[in-house]
Amino acid sequence: MQENSKFTSPDIYDDALIQKYISKNNYNIDIDCFSISEEWDFYEIFLNADGSIFPCCFHANKIQTGEKQINEMYGNYNNVLSKDNKIENILNSDLFKKDLPAGMNGNLDGKYCYTCMDSCSNNINVAKKLISLKQIT
């Protein structure tokens, strides 16, 4: 990467290239999530300094950088702890119970969660290829 490289937009993933790559190679996207997967005996969450709760630090980071898909996924939810919004409310919301599992299974508006694919895919070919499909100039 060049020294003066920068992201061209908050949407750091090139959606069209990723979808074409997945379809062309017919990859099995196997994502292991410590936060919502029922395969594990424990669950992990990430508590941000502002009181917001995420399934992991990868999602928290992408929110901070303004990544489009993640921001759209979280935009409908109040995932910040407060006097009126308890941790149980957040963890039992559709975000954790519906949208995140959909993103891991390729059912998030017909797509996978690119952050999960990039960070937690067991298919190393997918994870390595996603790096090159990011929009970087």
N, C-alpha and C. Protein backbone atom coordinates (compact mmCIF):
# COMPACT_ATOMS: atom_id res chain seq x y z
N MET A 1 0.85 -1.17 0.00
CA MET A 1 0.00 0.00 0.00
C MET A 1 0.90 1.24 0.00
N GLN A 2 0.49 2.24 -0.76
CA GLN A 2 1.26 3.46 -0.83
C GLN A 2 1.18 4.22 0.48
N GLU A 3 2.19 5.04 0.73
CA GLU A 3 2.23 5.80 1.97
C GLU A 3 1.06 6.76 2.12
N ASN A 4 0.58 7.32 1.02
CA ASN A 4 -0.51 8.30 1.06
C ASN A 4 -1.87 7.66 0.84
N SER A 5 -1.99 6.36 1.05
CA SER A 5 -3.25 5.67 0.84
C SER A 5 -4.29 6.13 1.85
N LYS A 6 -5.55 6.14 1.39
CA LYS A 6 -6.66 6.48 2.29
C LYS A 6 -7.90 5.79 1.78
N PHE A 7 -8.88 5.65 2.66
CA PHE A 7 -10.15 5.08 2.25
C PHE A 7 -10.87 6.11 1.39
N THR A 8 -11.49 5.63 0.33
CA THR A 8 -12.20 6.55 -0.57
C THR A 8 -13.55 6.97 -0.02
N SER A 9 -14.12 6.17 0.87
CA SER A 9 -15.42 6.49 1.45
C SER A 9 -15.59 5.66 2.72
N PRO A 10 -16.59 6.00 3.53
CA PRO A 10 -16.84 5.16 4.71
C PRO A 10 -17.23 3.74 4.34
N ASP A 11 -17.74 3.53 3.14
CA ASP A 11 -18.08 2.19 2.69
C ASP A 11 -16.81 1.52 2.19
N ILE A 12 -16.04 0.95 3.11
CA ILE A 12 -14.71 0.46 2.75
C ILE A 12 -14.73 -0.83 1.96
N TYR A 13 -15.87 -1.48 1.89
CA TYR A 13 -15.96 -2.72 1.13
C TYR A 13 -16.62 -2.45 -0.22
N ASP A 14 -16.09 -3.01 -1.26
CA ASP A 14 -16.67 -2.88 -2.59
C ASP A 14 -17.70 -3.99 -2.75
N ASP A 15 -18.95 -3.63 -2.52
CA ASP A 15 -20.04 -4.60 -2.48
C ASP A 15 -20.13 -5.42 -3.76
N ALA A 16 -20.06 -4.78 -4.90
CA ALA A 16 -20.21 -5.49 -6.18
C ALA A 16 -19.10 -6.52 -6.36
N LEU A 17 -17.86 -6.14 -6.04
CA LEU A 17 -16.75 -7.08 -6.19
C LEU A 17 -16.86 -8.26 -5.23
N ILE A 18 -17.29 -7.99 -4.02
CA ILE A 18 -17.42 -9.07 -3.03
C ILE A 18 -18.51 -10.04 -3.46
N GLN A 19 -19.66 -9.53 -3.86
CA GLN A 19 -20.75 -10.41 -4.29
C GLN A 19 -20.35 -11.24 -5.50
N LYS A 20 -19.65 -10.62 -6.45
CA LYS A 20 -19.18 -11.33 -7.63
C LYS A 20 -18.18 -12.43 -7.24
N TYR A 21 -17.29 -12.11 -6.33
CA TYR A 21 -16.27 -13.06 -5.88
C TYR A 21 -16.91 -14.27 -5.19
N ILE A 22 -17.87 -14.00 -4.30
CA ILE A 22 -18.54 -15.09 -3.58
C ILE A 22 -19.30 -15.98 -4.56
N SER A 23 -20.06 -15.37 -5.46
CA SER A 23 -20.84 -16.14 -6.44
C SER A 23 -19.94 -16.96 -7.36
N LYS A 24 -18.91 -16.32 -7.86
CA LYS A 24 -18.01 -16.98 -8.81
C LYS A 24 -17.33 -18.20 -8.19
N ASN A 25 -16.90 -18.06 -6.95
CA ASN A 25 -16.14 -19.13 -6.30
C ASN A 25 -17.01 -20.06 -5.47
N ASN A 26 -18.29 -19.72 -5.33
CA ASN A 26 -19.23 -20.55 -4.58
C ASN A 26 -18.65 -20.97 -3.22
N TYR A 27 -18.14 -19.99 -2.50
CA TYR A 27 -17.50 -20.27 -1.22
C TYR A 27 -18.51 -20.54 -0.12
N ASN A 28 -18.15 -21.45 0.75
CA ASN A 28 -18.89 -21.67 1.98
C ASN A 28 -18.32 -20.69 3.00
N ILE A 29 -19.11 -19.72 3.38
CA ILE A 29 -18.66 -18.71 4.33
C ILE A 29 -18.98 -19.23 5.73
N ASP A 30 -17.99 -19.64 6.45
CA ASP A 30 -18.17 -20.18 7.79
C ASP A 30 -17.64 -19.18 8.80
N ILE A 31 -18.54 -18.52 9.50
CA ILE A 31 -18.16 -17.48 10.45
C ILE A 31 -18.36 -17.98 11.86
N ASP A 32 -17.30 -17.94 12.66
CA ASP A 32 -17.37 -18.28 14.08
C ASP A 32 -17.48 -17.00 14.88
N CYS A 33 -18.59 -16.82 15.55
CA CYS A 33 -18.80 -15.61 16.34
C CYS A 33 -18.91 -15.99 17.81
N PHE A 34 -18.03 -15.44 18.61
CA PHE A 34 -18.05 -15.72 20.05
C PHE A 34 -19.21 -14.99 20.74
N SER A 35 -19.85 -14.07 20.05
CA SER A 35 -20.90 -13.27 20.67
C SER A 35 -22.28 -13.86 20.54
N ILE A 36 -22.59 -14.43 19.38
CA ILE A 36 -23.97 -14.88 19.18
C ILE A 36 -24.09 -16.34 18.75
N SER A 37 -22.99 -16.99 18.50
CA SER A 37 -23.04 -18.38 18.07
C SER A 37 -23.42 -19.30 19.22
N GLU A 38 -24.34 -20.20 18.96
CA GLU A 38 -24.77 -21.14 19.99
C GLU A 38 -23.83 -22.34 20.09
N GLU A 39 -22.79 -22.36 19.28
CA GLU A 39 -21.82 -23.46 19.31
C GLU A 39 -20.88 -23.37 20.50
N TRP A 40 -20.81 -22.19 21.11
CA TRP A 40 -19.87 -21.97 22.21
C TRP A 40 -20.58 -22.06 23.55
N ASP A 41 -19.83 -22.37 24.59
CA ASP A 41 -20.38 -22.44 25.94
C ASP A 41 -20.43 -21.07 26.62
N PHE A 42 -19.97 -20.05 25.92
CA PHE A 42 -19.93 -18.71 26.49
C PHE A 42 -20.22 -17.70 25.38
N TYR A 43 -20.53 -16.48 25.79
CA TYR A 43 -20.75 -15.40 24.85
C TYR A 43 -19.86 -14.24 25.24
N GLU A 44 -19.40 -13.53 24.25
CA GLU A 44 -18.60 -12.34 24.50
C GLU A 44 -19.32 -11.14 23.92
N ILE A 45 -19.16 -9.99 24.55
CA ILE A 45 -19.64 -8.74 23.99
C ILE A 45 -18.55 -7.70 24.19
N PHE A 46 -18.67 -6.60 23.46
CA PHE A 46 -17.72 -5.51 23.59
C PHE A 46 -18.47 -4.29 24.10
N LEU A 47 -18.03 -3.77 25.23
CA LEU A 47 -18.61 -2.57 25.81
C LEU A 47 -17.70 -1.40 25.47
N ASN A 48 -18.20 -0.48 24.66
CA ASN A 48 -17.43 0.68 24.24
C ASN A 48 -17.39 1.72 25.37
N ALA A 49 -16.45 2.63 25.31
CA ALA A 49 -16.30 3.64 26.36
C ALA A 49 -17.52 4.54 26.49
N ASP A 50 -18.31 4.67 25.42
CA ASP A 50 -19.50 5.52 25.47
C ASP A 50 -20.73 4.77 25.99
N GLY A 51 -20.55 3.50 26.38
CA GLY A 51 -21.65 2.71 26.91
C GLY A 51 -22.38 1.89 25.87
N SER A 52 -21.94 1.97 24.63
CA SER A 52 -22.60 1.17 23.60
C SER A 52 -22.07 -0.25 23.61
N ILE A 53 -22.97 -1.17 23.28
CA ILE A 53 -22.64 -2.59 23.32
C ILE A 53 -22.62 -3.14 21.91
N PHE A 54 -21.56 -3.86 21.60
CA PHE A 54 -21.38 -4.49 20.29
C PHE A 54 -21.05 -5.95 20.51
N PRO A 55 -21.24 -6.77 19.50
CA PRO A 55 -20.86 -8.18 19.66
C PRO A 55 -19.35 -8.34 19.76
N CYS A 56 -18.61 -7.38 19.20
CA CYS A 56 -17.14 -7.49 19.22
C CYS A 56 -16.51 -6.15 18.93
N CYS A 57 -15.20 -6.08 19.11
CA CYS A 57 -14.48 -4.84 18.85
C CYS A 57 -14.41 -4.53 17.36
N PHE A 58 -14.54 -5.54 16.50
CA PHE A 58 -14.50 -5.30 15.06
C PHE A 58 -15.70 -4.44 14.64
N HIS A 59 -16.88 -4.76 15.17
CA HIS A 59 -18.06 -3.96 14.85
C HIS A 59 -17.94 -2.56 15.43
N ALA A 60 -17.46 -2.45 16.66
CA ALA A 60 -17.28 -1.13 17.28
C ALA A 60 -16.34 -0.27 16.46
N ASN A 61 -15.27 -0.86 15.96
CA ASN A 61 -14.31 -0.12 15.16
C ASN A 61 -14.93 0.36 13.85
N LYS A 62 -15.71 -0.52 13.20
CA LYS A 62 -16.32 -0.14 11.92
C LYS A 62 -17.39 0.94 12.11
N ILE A 63 -18.07 0.95 13.26
CA ILE A 63 -19.01 2.04 13.56
C ILE A 63 -18.23 3.35 13.65
N GLN A 64 -17.10 3.32 14.36
CA GLN A 64 -16.31 4.53 14.54
C GLN A 64 -15.76 5.07 13.23
N THR A 65 -15.45 4.18 12.29
CA THR A 65 -14.90 4.63 11.01
C THR A 65 -16.00 4.93 10.00
N GLY A 66 -17.25 4.67 10.36
CA GLY A 66 -18.38 5.01 9.51
C GLY A 66 -18.66 4.02 8.40
N GLU A 67 -18.28 2.77 8.58
CA GLU A 67 -18.50 1.77 7.53
C GLU A 67 -19.99 1.64 7.25
N LYS A 68 -20.36 1.73 5.98
CA LYS A 68 -21.76 1.85 5.57
C LYS A 68 -22.63 0.67 6.00
N GLN A 69 -22.24 -0.55 5.71
CA GLN A 69 -23.09 -1.70 6.03
C GLN A 69 -23.33 -1.83 7.53
N ILE A 70 -22.28 -1.68 8.32
CA ILE A 70 -22.42 -1.77 9.78
C ILE A 70 -23.29 -0.64 10.31
N ASN A 71 -23.09 0.57 9.82
CA ASN A 71 -23.90 1.69 10.28
C ASN A 71 -25.37 1.51 9.93
N GLU A 72 -25.65 0.94 8.77
CA GLU A 72 -27.04 0.65 8.41
C GLU A 72 -27.63 -0.41 9.34
N MET A 73 -26.83 -1.42 9.67
CA MET A 73 -27.31 -2.49 10.54
C MET A 73 -27.63 -1.95 11.93
N TYR A 74 -26.78 -1.10 12.46
CA TYR A 74 -26.96 -0.60 13.82
C TYR A 74 -27.85 0.63 13.89
N GLY A 75 -28.10 1.27 12.75
CA GLY A 75 -28.83 2.53 12.73
C GLY A 75 -30.23 2.48 13.29
N ASN A 76 -30.85 1.32 13.26
CA ASN A 76 -32.22 1.19 13.75
C ASN A 76 -32.31 0.89 15.24
N TYR A 77 -31.18 0.76 15.90
CA TYR A 77 -31.20 0.30 17.29
C TYR A 77 -30.49 1.27 18.23
N ASN A 78 -30.97 1.31 19.44
CA ASN A 78 -30.30 2.04 20.50
C ASN A 78 -29.54 1.01 21.34
N ASN A 79 -28.26 0.89 21.07
CA ASN A 79 -27.48 -0.13 21.78
C ASN A 79 -26.59 0.49 22.85
N VAL A 80 -27.00 1.65 23.37
CA VAL A 80 -26.22 2.33 24.41
C VAL A 80 -26.88 2.09 25.77
N LEU A 81 -26.07 1.66 26.72
CA LEU A 81 -26.57 1.46 28.08
C LEU A 81 -27.01 2.79 28.67
N SER A 82 -28.12 2.76 29.36
CA SER A 82 -28.61 3.95 30.04
C SER A 82 -29.50 3.49 31.20
N LYS A 83 -30.01 4.47 31.90
CA LYS A 83 -30.92 4.17 33.01
C LYS A 83 -32.13 3.38 32.51
N ASP A 84 -32.58 3.71 31.30
CA ASP A 84 -33.78 3.07 30.75
C ASP A 84 -33.46 1.92 29.79
N ASN A 85 -32.25 1.80 29.37
CA ASN A 85 -31.88 0.76 28.39
C ASN A 85 -30.86 -0.17 29.02
N LYS A 86 -31.33 -1.26 29.54
CA LYS A 86 -30.49 -2.23 30.25
C LYS A 86 -29.80 -3.17 29.28
N ILE A 87 -28.78 -3.84 29.75
CA ILE A 87 -28.02 -4.77 28.90
C ILE A 87 -28.92 -5.88 28.36
N GLU A 88 -29.88 -6.33 29.17
CA GLU A 88 -30.79 -7.38 28.72
C GLU A 88 -31.61 -6.92 27.52
N ASN A 89 -32.03 -5.65 27.54
CA ASN A 89 -32.80 -5.10 26.42
C ASN A 89 -31.98 -5.12 25.14
N ILE A 90 -30.73 -4.75 25.26
CA ILE A 90 -29.85 -4.69 24.09
C ILE A 90 -29.59 -6.09 23.55
N LEU A 91 -29.21 -7.01 24.43
CA LEU A 91 -28.88 -8.37 24.00
C LEU A 91 -30.09 -9.14 23.49
N ASN A 92 -31.28 -8.74 23.91
CA ASN A 92 -32.50 -9.39 23.44
C ASN A 92 -33.18 -8.63 22.29
N SER A 93 -32.53 -7.60 21.79
CA SER A 93 -33.10 -6.82 20.69
C SER A 93 -32.96 -7.58 19.38
N ASP A 94 -33.68 -7.12 18.37
CA ASP A 94 -33.58 -7.74 17.05
C ASP A 94 -32.17 -7.62 16.48
N LEU A 95 -31.42 -6.63 16.92
CA LEU A 95 -30.04 -6.50 16.45
C LEU A 95 -29.25 -7.78 16.75
N PHE A 96 -29.29 -8.21 18.00
CA PHE A 96 -28.54 -9.40 18.41
C PHE A 96 -29.26 -10.69 18.05
N LYS A 97 -30.57 -10.68 18.06
CA LYS A 97 -31.34 -11.91 17.84
C LYS A 97 -31.68 -12.17 16.37
N LYS A 98 -31.71 -11.11 15.56
CA LYS A 98 -32.14 -11.26 14.18
C LYS A 98 -31.09 -10.79 13.17
N ASP A 99 -30.67 -9.53 13.26
CA ASP A 99 -29.79 -8.95 12.23
C ASP A 99 -28.39 -9.55 12.24
N LEU A 100 -27.79 -9.71 13.41
CA LEU A 100 -26.44 -10.28 13.46
C LEU A 100 -26.40 -11.72 12.97
N PRO A 101 -27.32 -12.58 13.42
CA PRO A 101 -27.33 -13.93 12.84
C PRO A 101 -27.59 -13.92 11.33
N ALA A 102 -28.44 -13.02 10.87
CA ALA A 102 -28.70 -12.92 9.42
C ALA A 102 -27.42 -12.56 8.68
N GLY A 103 -26.64 -11.65 9.24
CA GLY A 103 -25.37 -11.25 8.62
C GLY A 103 -24.36 -12.37 8.58
N MET A 104 -24.39 -13.23 9.58
CA MET A 104 -23.46 -14.36 9.60
C MET A 104 -23.89 -15.46 8.63
N ASN A 105 -25.17 -15.50 8.30
CA ASN A 105 -25.69 -16.56 7.44
C ASN A 105 -25.97 -16.11 6.01
N GLY A 106 -25.59 -14.88 5.69
CA GLY A 106 -25.80 -14.38 4.33
C GLY A 106 -27.22 -13.94 4.06
N ASN A 107 -27.98 -13.66 5.10
CA ASN A 107 -29.38 -13.25 4.94
C ASN A 107 -29.63 -11.80 5.34
N LEU A 108 -28.58 -11.00 5.37
CA LEU A 108 -28.70 -9.58 5.71
C LEU A 108 -28.94 -8.83 4.40
N ASP A 109 -30.19 -8.64 4.06
CA ASP A 109 -30.55 -8.08 2.75
C ASP A 109 -29.89 -8.87 1.63
N GLY A 110 -29.83 -10.19 1.81
CA GLY A 110 -29.25 -11.06 0.80
C GLY A 110 -27.73 -11.11 0.81
N LYS A 111 -27.11 -10.55 1.85
CA LYS A 111 -25.65 -10.47 1.90
C LYS A 111 -25.15 -10.93 3.27
N TYR A 112 -23.86 -11.18 3.30
CA TYR A 112 -23.18 -11.45 4.57
C TYR A 112 -22.76 -10.13 5.20
N CYS A 113 -22.51 -10.18 6.48
CA CYS A 113 -21.89 -9.04 7.15
C CYS A 113 -20.41 -9.06 6.76
N TYR A 114 -19.98 -8.04 6.03
CA TYR A 114 -18.61 -8.03 5.53
C TYR A 114 -17.59 -7.94 6.66
N THR A 115 -17.94 -7.25 7.73
CA THR A 115 -17.02 -7.17 8.87
C THR A 115 -16.81 -8.54 9.49
N CYS A 116 -17.89 -9.32 9.61
CA CYS A 116 -17.76 -10.67 10.15
C CYS A 116 -16.96 -11.56 9.19
N MET A 117 -17.23 -11.43 7.90
CA MET A 117 -16.47 -12.21 6.92
C MET A 117 -14.98 -11.87 6.98
N ASP A 118 -14.71 -10.58 7.07
CA ASP A 118 -13.34 -10.10 7.07
C ASP A 118 -12.59 -10.53 8.33
N SER A 119 -13.28 -10.51 9.46
CA SER A 119 -12.61 -10.72 10.74
C SER A 119 -12.71 -12.15 11.28
N CYS A 120 -13.80 -12.84 11.00
CA CYS A 120 -14.06 -14.11 11.69
C CYS A 120 -14.42 -15.27 10.77
N SER A 121 -14.09 -15.17 9.50
CA SER A 121 -14.38 -16.28 8.59
C SER A 121 -13.34 -17.38 8.77
N ASN A 122 -13.82 -18.62 8.86
CA ASN A 122 -12.91 -19.75 8.95
C ASN A 122 -12.32 -20.11 7.60
N ASN A 123 -12.90 -19.58 6.54
CA ASN A 123 -12.39 -19.84 5.20
C ASN A 123 -11.31 -18.81 4.91
N ILE A 124 -10.07 -19.19 5.06
CA ILE A 124 -8.94 -18.26 4.93
C ILE A 124 -8.89 -17.63 3.54
N ASN A 125 -9.37 -18.34 2.53
CA ASN A 125 -9.38 -17.76 1.19
C ASN A 125 -10.30 -16.55 1.13
N VAL A 126 -11.43 -16.62 1.81
CA VAL A 126 -12.36 -15.50 1.84
C VAL A 126 -11.74 -14.33 2.59
N ALA A 127 -11.21 -14.59 3.78
CA ALA A 127 -10.63 -13.53 4.58
C ALA A 127 -9.49 -12.83 3.85
N LYS A 128 -8.61 -13.61 3.22
CA LYS A 128 -7.49 -13.01 2.49
C LYS A 128 -7.99 -12.20 1.30
N LYS A 129 -8.98 -12.70 0.58
CA LYS A 129 -9.46 -12.01 -0.61
C LYS A 129 -10.18 -10.72 -0.25
N LEU A 130 -10.89 -10.69 0.88
CA LEU A 130 -11.60 -9.48 1.27
C LEU A 130 -10.66 -8.30 1.44
N ILE A 131 -9.46 -8.57 1.90
CA ILE A 131 -8.49 -7.49 2.06
C ILE A 131 -8.26 -6.78 0.73
N SER A 132 -8.17 -7.54 -0.33
CA SER A 132 -7.92 -6.94 -1.64
C SER A 132 -9.18 -6.36 -2.27
N LEU A 133 -10.35 -6.65 -1.74
CA LEU A 133 -11.59 -6.11 -2.29
C LEU A 133 -12.04 -4.86 -1.58
N LYS A 134 -11.26 -4.36 -0.63
CA LYS A 134 -11.60 -3.10 0.02
C LYS A 134 -11.28 -1.95 -0.92
N GLN A 135 -12.03 -0.89 -0.81
CA GLN A 135 -11.83 0.28 -1.66
C GLN A 135 -10.72 1.14 -1.09
N ILE A 136 -9.55 1.00 -1.64
CA ILE A 136 -8.40 1.80 -1.19
C ILE A 136 -7.76 2.43 -2.41
N THR A 137 -7.42 3.70 -2.31
CA THR A 137 -6.75 4.37 -3.42
C THR A 137 -5.34 4.71 -3.02
